[in-house]
N, C-alpha and C. Protein backbone atom coordinates (compact mmCIF):
# COMPACT_ATOMS: atom_id res chain seq x y z
N MET A 1 8.73 29.47 17.76
CA MET A 1 8.55 29.62 16.34
C MET A 1 7.33 30.49 16.07
N ALA A 2 7.39 31.23 15.01
CA ALA A 2 6.26 32.09 14.66
C ALA A 2 5.07 31.23 14.25
N PRO A 3 3.85 31.72 14.50
CA PRO A 3 2.66 30.93 14.16
C PRO A 3 2.58 30.57 12.67
N ARG A 4 3.02 31.48 11.81
CA ARG A 4 2.97 31.18 10.37
C ARG A 4 3.92 30.06 9.99
N MET A 5 5.11 30.05 10.61
CA MET A 5 6.07 28.99 10.30
C MET A 5 5.57 27.63 10.78
N THR A 6 4.93 27.63 11.92
CA THR A 6 4.37 26.39 12.44
C THR A 6 3.27 25.88 11.52
N PHE A 7 2.43 26.81 11.06
CA PHE A 7 1.35 26.46 10.13
C PHE A 7 1.93 25.90 8.83
N LEU A 8 2.93 26.60 8.28
CA LEU A 8 3.54 26.18 7.01
C LEU A 8 4.23 24.83 7.16
N ARG A 9 4.90 24.63 8.30
CA ARG A 9 5.56 23.35 8.53
C ARG A 9 4.54 22.21 8.57
N GLY A 10 3.41 22.46 9.23
CA GLY A 10 2.36 21.44 9.28
C GLY A 10 1.79 21.13 7.90
N VAL A 11 1.57 22.17 7.09
CA VAL A 11 1.05 21.96 5.74
C VAL A 11 2.07 21.18 4.91
N LEU A 12 3.34 21.54 5.01
CA LEU A 12 4.36 20.83 4.24
C LEU A 12 4.49 19.37 4.68
N ASN A 13 4.28 19.10 5.95
CA ASN A 13 4.28 17.70 6.41
C ASN A 13 3.16 16.92 5.74
N PHE A 14 1.99 17.52 5.64
CA PHE A 14 0.88 16.87 4.96
C PHE A 14 1.17 16.69 3.47
N VAL A 15 1.81 17.67 2.84
CA VAL A 15 2.14 17.58 1.41
C VAL A 15 3.09 16.42 1.16
N VAL A 16 4.13 16.32 1.96
CA VAL A 16 5.10 15.23 1.78
C VAL A 16 4.46 13.87 2.05
N ALA A 17 3.66 13.79 3.10
CA ALA A 17 2.98 12.52 3.40
C ALA A 17 2.03 12.14 2.28
N GLY A 18 1.29 13.11 1.76
CA GLY A 18 0.38 12.84 0.65
C GLY A 18 1.11 12.40 -0.60
N ALA A 19 2.24 13.03 -0.90
CA ALA A 19 3.04 12.65 -2.07
C ALA A 19 3.55 11.22 -1.93
N LEU A 20 4.05 10.88 -0.75
CA LEU A 20 4.54 9.52 -0.54
C LEU A 20 3.42 8.49 -0.64
N LEU A 21 2.27 8.80 -0.07
CA LEU A 21 1.14 7.88 -0.18
C LEU A 21 0.69 7.73 -1.63
N GLY A 22 0.69 8.84 -2.37
CA GLY A 22 0.31 8.78 -3.78
C GLY A 22 1.24 7.88 -4.59
N VAL A 23 2.55 8.00 -4.35
CA VAL A 23 3.52 7.17 -5.06
C VAL A 23 3.35 5.70 -4.66
N LEU A 24 3.18 5.44 -3.37
CA LEU A 24 3.01 4.05 -2.93
C LEU A 24 1.74 3.42 -3.51
N LEU A 25 0.65 4.17 -3.48
CA LEU A 25 -0.60 3.64 -4.02
C LEU A 25 -0.47 3.38 -5.52
N THR A 26 0.16 4.30 -6.23
CA THR A 26 0.35 4.12 -7.67
C THR A 26 1.26 2.94 -7.95
N SER A 27 2.27 2.74 -7.13
CA SER A 27 3.19 1.62 -7.33
C SER A 27 2.49 0.27 -7.19
N PHE A 28 1.42 0.22 -6.39
CA PHE A 28 0.68 -1.03 -6.25
C PHE A 28 -0.37 -1.20 -7.34
N VAL A 29 -1.01 -0.12 -7.76
CA VAL A 29 -2.13 -0.21 -8.71
C VAL A 29 -1.65 -0.23 -10.16
N ALA A 30 -0.72 0.64 -10.51
CA ALA A 30 -0.34 0.81 -11.91
C ALA A 30 0.24 -0.45 -12.57
N PRO A 31 1.12 -1.23 -11.93
CA PRO A 31 1.64 -2.41 -12.62
C PRO A 31 0.56 -3.43 -12.99
N ARG A 32 -0.44 -3.59 -12.14
CA ARG A 32 -1.52 -4.54 -12.46
C ARG A 32 -2.31 -4.05 -13.67
N PHE A 33 -2.59 -2.76 -13.69
CA PHE A 33 -3.32 -2.21 -14.83
C PHE A 33 -2.50 -2.32 -16.10
N MET A 34 -1.22 -2.01 -16.02
CA MET A 34 -0.37 -2.06 -17.22
C MET A 34 -0.17 -3.48 -17.72
N ALA A 35 -0.09 -4.45 -16.80
CA ALA A 35 0.01 -5.85 -17.23
C ALA A 35 -1.25 -6.26 -17.97
N TRP A 36 -2.40 -5.86 -17.46
CA TRP A 36 -3.67 -6.16 -18.13
C TRP A 36 -3.74 -5.45 -19.49
N ASP A 37 -3.32 -4.20 -19.51
CA ASP A 37 -3.41 -3.38 -20.73
C ASP A 37 -2.48 -3.89 -21.83
N ASN A 38 -1.35 -4.50 -21.46
CA ASN A 38 -0.37 -4.97 -22.45
C ASN A 38 -0.48 -6.45 -22.75
N THR A 39 -1.48 -7.13 -22.22
CA THR A 39 -1.67 -8.55 -22.49
C THR A 39 -2.43 -8.71 -23.80
N PRO A 40 -1.91 -9.55 -24.71
CA PRO A 40 -2.63 -9.75 -25.97
C PRO A 40 -3.94 -10.49 -25.73
N GLY A 41 -4.91 -10.22 -26.58
CA GLY A 41 -6.23 -10.83 -26.45
C GLY A 41 -6.19 -12.34 -26.59
N MET A 42 -5.56 -12.83 -27.63
CA MET A 42 -5.46 -14.28 -27.87
C MET A 42 -4.12 -14.57 -28.53
N GLY A 43 -3.64 -15.76 -28.30
CA GLY A 43 -2.43 -16.20 -28.99
C GLY A 43 -1.16 -15.55 -28.48
N LYS A 44 -0.17 -15.51 -29.39
CA LYS A 44 1.14 -14.98 -29.02
C LYS A 44 1.17 -13.46 -29.16
N ALA A 45 2.19 -12.88 -28.57
CA ALA A 45 2.37 -11.44 -28.67
C ALA A 45 2.72 -11.06 -30.10
N LEU A 46 2.08 -10.04 -30.60
CA LEU A 46 2.31 -9.58 -31.96
C LEU A 46 3.03 -8.24 -31.96
N CYS A 47 3.88 -8.04 -30.98
CA CYS A 47 4.53 -6.74 -30.86
C CYS A 47 6.02 -6.92 -30.63
N ASP A 48 6.72 -5.82 -30.66
CA ASP A 48 8.13 -5.79 -30.31
C ASP A 48 8.21 -5.72 -28.79
N CYS A 49 8.53 -6.85 -28.16
CA CYS A 49 8.45 -6.93 -26.70
C CYS A 49 9.43 -5.99 -26.01
N ALA A 50 10.60 -5.75 -26.58
CA ALA A 50 11.57 -4.85 -25.95
C ALA A 50 11.01 -3.42 -25.92
N GLU A 51 10.42 -2.98 -27.01
CA GLU A 51 9.83 -1.64 -27.06
C GLU A 51 8.62 -1.54 -26.13
N THR A 52 7.83 -2.58 -26.07
CA THR A 52 6.67 -2.58 -25.16
C THR A 52 7.13 -2.49 -23.71
N THR A 53 8.22 -3.16 -23.37
CA THR A 53 8.76 -3.09 -22.01
C THR A 53 9.23 -1.68 -21.69
N ARG A 54 9.93 -1.04 -22.64
CA ARG A 54 10.38 0.34 -22.42
C ARG A 54 9.19 1.27 -22.23
N GLN A 55 8.17 1.12 -23.06
CA GLN A 55 6.99 1.97 -22.95
C GLN A 55 6.27 1.74 -21.62
N THR A 56 6.19 0.48 -21.21
CA THR A 56 5.52 0.17 -19.95
C THR A 56 6.26 0.77 -18.77
N ALA A 57 7.59 0.67 -18.76
CA ALA A 57 8.37 1.26 -17.68
C ALA A 57 8.20 2.78 -17.67
N SER A 58 8.18 3.38 -18.85
CA SER A 58 7.98 4.82 -18.93
C SER A 58 6.60 5.22 -18.41
N ARG A 59 5.59 4.44 -18.76
CA ARG A 59 4.24 4.73 -18.28
C ARG A 59 4.13 4.57 -16.77
N LEU A 60 4.87 3.60 -16.20
CA LEU A 60 4.86 3.41 -14.75
C LEU A 60 5.46 4.62 -14.05
N VAL A 61 6.58 5.11 -14.55
CA VAL A 61 7.21 6.28 -13.95
C VAL A 61 6.29 7.50 -14.07
N ASN A 62 5.67 7.67 -15.23
CA ASN A 62 4.74 8.79 -15.41
C ASN A 62 3.55 8.66 -14.46
N ALA A 63 3.04 7.45 -14.29
CA ALA A 63 1.92 7.23 -13.37
C ALA A 63 2.33 7.54 -11.94
N GLN A 64 3.57 7.20 -11.57
CA GLN A 64 4.05 7.50 -10.22
C GLN A 64 4.19 9.01 -10.02
N LEU A 65 4.66 9.71 -11.04
CA LEU A 65 4.75 11.17 -10.94
C LEU A 65 3.38 11.81 -10.77
N ILE A 66 2.41 11.31 -11.52
CA ILE A 66 1.05 11.83 -11.39
C ILE A 66 0.50 11.50 -10.01
N GLY A 67 0.73 10.29 -9.54
CA GLY A 67 0.29 9.91 -8.19
C GLY A 67 0.94 10.77 -7.12
N CYS A 68 2.21 11.09 -7.31
CA CYS A 68 2.91 11.95 -6.37
C CYS A 68 2.29 13.34 -6.36
N GLY A 69 2.00 13.88 -7.54
CA GLY A 69 1.39 15.21 -7.64
C GLY A 69 0.00 15.26 -7.03
N VAL A 70 -0.80 14.24 -7.33
CA VAL A 70 -2.16 14.20 -6.77
C VAL A 70 -2.11 14.04 -5.26
N GLY A 71 -1.24 13.17 -4.79
CA GLY A 71 -1.10 12.98 -3.35
C GLY A 71 -0.63 14.25 -2.65
N ALA A 72 0.31 14.97 -3.28
CA ALA A 72 0.79 16.22 -2.70
C ALA A 72 -0.32 17.26 -2.66
N ALA A 73 -1.13 17.33 -3.72
CA ALA A 73 -2.23 18.29 -3.75
C ALA A 73 -3.27 17.96 -2.67
N VAL A 74 -3.61 16.69 -2.55
CA VAL A 74 -4.57 16.28 -1.52
C VAL A 74 -3.99 16.54 -0.13
N GLY A 75 -2.70 16.26 0.03
CA GLY A 75 -2.04 16.53 1.31
C GLY A 75 -2.03 18.01 1.64
N ALA A 76 -1.81 18.86 0.63
CA ALA A 76 -1.82 20.31 0.86
C ALA A 76 -3.20 20.78 1.30
N ILE A 77 -4.23 20.28 0.64
CA ILE A 77 -5.60 20.66 1.01
C ILE A 77 -5.92 20.19 2.43
N ALA A 78 -5.54 18.95 2.74
CA ALA A 78 -5.79 18.42 4.09
C ALA A 78 -4.99 19.18 5.13
N GLY A 79 -3.74 19.52 4.82
CA GLY A 79 -2.91 20.26 5.75
C GLY A 79 -3.45 21.65 6.03
N ILE A 80 -3.90 22.33 4.98
CA ILE A 80 -4.48 23.67 5.15
C ILE A 80 -5.76 23.58 5.98
N ALA A 81 -6.60 22.61 5.66
CA ALA A 81 -7.85 22.46 6.41
C ALA A 81 -7.57 22.14 7.87
N PHE A 82 -6.62 21.26 8.11
CA PHE A 82 -6.26 20.89 9.48
C PHE A 82 -5.68 22.09 10.22
N GLY A 83 -4.80 22.83 9.57
CA GLY A 83 -4.18 23.99 10.19
C GLY A 83 -5.17 25.10 10.51
N VAL A 84 -6.09 25.36 9.59
CA VAL A 84 -7.09 26.40 9.82
C VAL A 84 -8.02 26.00 10.96
N THR A 85 -8.44 24.75 10.97
CA THR A 85 -9.30 24.26 12.05
C THR A 85 -8.58 24.36 13.40
N ARG A 86 -7.33 24.01 13.41
CA ARG A 86 -6.54 24.05 14.64
C ARG A 86 -6.37 25.49 15.13
N ARG A 87 -6.14 26.41 14.20
CA ARG A 87 -6.00 27.82 14.57
C ARG A 87 -7.30 28.36 15.17
N LYS A 88 -8.42 28.00 14.55
CA LYS A 88 -9.71 28.49 15.06
C LYS A 88 -9.97 27.97 16.46
N LYS A 89 -9.63 26.70 16.73
CA LYS A 89 -9.82 26.12 18.06
C LYS A 89 -8.94 26.82 19.08
N GLN A 90 -7.70 27.12 18.70
CA GLN A 90 -6.79 27.81 19.62
C GLN A 90 -7.27 29.23 19.89
N ALA A 91 -7.77 29.91 18.87
CA ALA A 91 -8.27 31.28 19.04
C ALA A 91 -9.51 31.30 19.94
N ALA A 92 -10.36 30.29 19.80
CA ALA A 92 -11.57 30.22 20.62
C ALA A 92 -11.23 29.86 22.07
N ALA A 93 -10.17 29.10 22.28
CA ALA A 93 -9.80 28.67 23.62
C ALA A 93 -9.18 29.80 24.42
N THR A 94 -8.49 30.74 23.76
CA THR A 94 -7.88 31.87 24.47
C THR A 94 -8.85 33.04 24.53
N PRO A 95 -9.22 33.46 25.71
CA PRO A 95 -10.15 34.59 25.83
C PRO A 95 -9.46 35.89 25.42
N ALA A 96 -10.22 36.77 24.82
CA ALA A 96 -9.70 38.07 24.40
C ALA A 96 -9.43 38.94 25.62
N ALA A 97 -8.32 39.65 25.60
CA ALA A 97 -7.97 40.49 26.76
C ALA A 97 -8.57 41.87 26.64
């Protein structure tokens, strides 16, 4: 395989891994925050619970999309950094002819 394709494949692996980690992390954190955010201060709920449920589900999906994007961006940065470092080490290991 060409060196560029190998580099790009490595970066894309980091992007996908970062996106998956971002979604997983958001799936654990966001519901707890949303439950706290939608809990009434005192007494009974003073809202339309069906509409609140729809809004909460929508916010969870949006939070997961944001987590996926952030994770993919962090993965891309990590993949590029890892690939560049690896290339430099390989270039230093091979003596110039």
